[in-house]
Amino acid sequence: MERPPEDSARSTLWPPTDWSALGRAARAVGKEAEPLNQLILRYQVPLRVYLLSAFPGLEKQADLLLQDFSEDKILKDGWLGKADRKRGRFRDFLKTSLRNYVLDRLSKDASLPVPLDELSFDPPAEERSAEAFDLDWARTILAAVLERMEADCKRPAKDQPRRAQIWEVFQLRLLDPALADAEPVSYEELVTRLGIVSPADAQNMLATAKRIFARHLGAVVAQYETGGTAVSAEIAELRQFLSWLAKGKKAKTAQD
């Protein structure tokens, strides 16, 4: 299975939220530069990716807009304190703030060479662009989960001699059809191809594979947001995007 290059995955992935570091940066406004510089460097790549996906046509102005956003928002006393983990994820707070900031600049700043009415932008299109960015994040998470799961299943284990078969069943029955437009291999064929005892045994192995996948999914997502509620929200969001991708693929197949 083809996976995103490691450097590419890192470049588009929102970093895990370190709320302690965020608090230190908020308290450092006007007093200490280093915590704020670290925060800005931590988020400058994903913010730039989001800006360009939400506002196509602003490639030349992106760096200036991000610099101004940092100066007008992040470096202003009290602004970072508005981020509250009880009210939602920090990356959503950043994305919403940046979107509103850019919209305001485009409507008021005549010095920008790309006026608002010349952009291929409207609220529905923006939502689709933002969705595509989050889908990219979901694919990155999925790649990490599958890498862990494959290594887990193929790792020698005396107490789980059929572990490698579990991965093969998962790949042939679910993974390849979802990611490579392949037809799912029937349980009867899995029995013949993999030397499994019976179709019912193959079904049980697939159920086990789903549990292994869910366990690794929770572990990977937990690295990027702290707190049980946040983890559940991330998993729910990932499942929504995978469902959206599957529906879109079915629709395309029907049109073809």
Foldseek 3Di string as FASTA:
>chain_A
DDADDPVVLVLLAQAADDVVLLVVLLVCQVPDCVSLVVVCVNCVRNLLLLVCLLFPPCPVVSVVLSVVCCVVAVNDHPRSVVDDVVVHDPVVVVSVSSVVSVVVCLVPPPPPPQHPVNTPHDVVSSVVSNLVSVLSNLSSLLSQLLVVQQCVLPPDDPVCPCSNLLNVLCCQAPVCCLPVVDDRDQLVVSCVVVVDDGSVRSVVSPVVSVVSSVVSSLVSLCSRYPDPVNSVVVVVVSVVSSVVSVVVVVVVVVVD
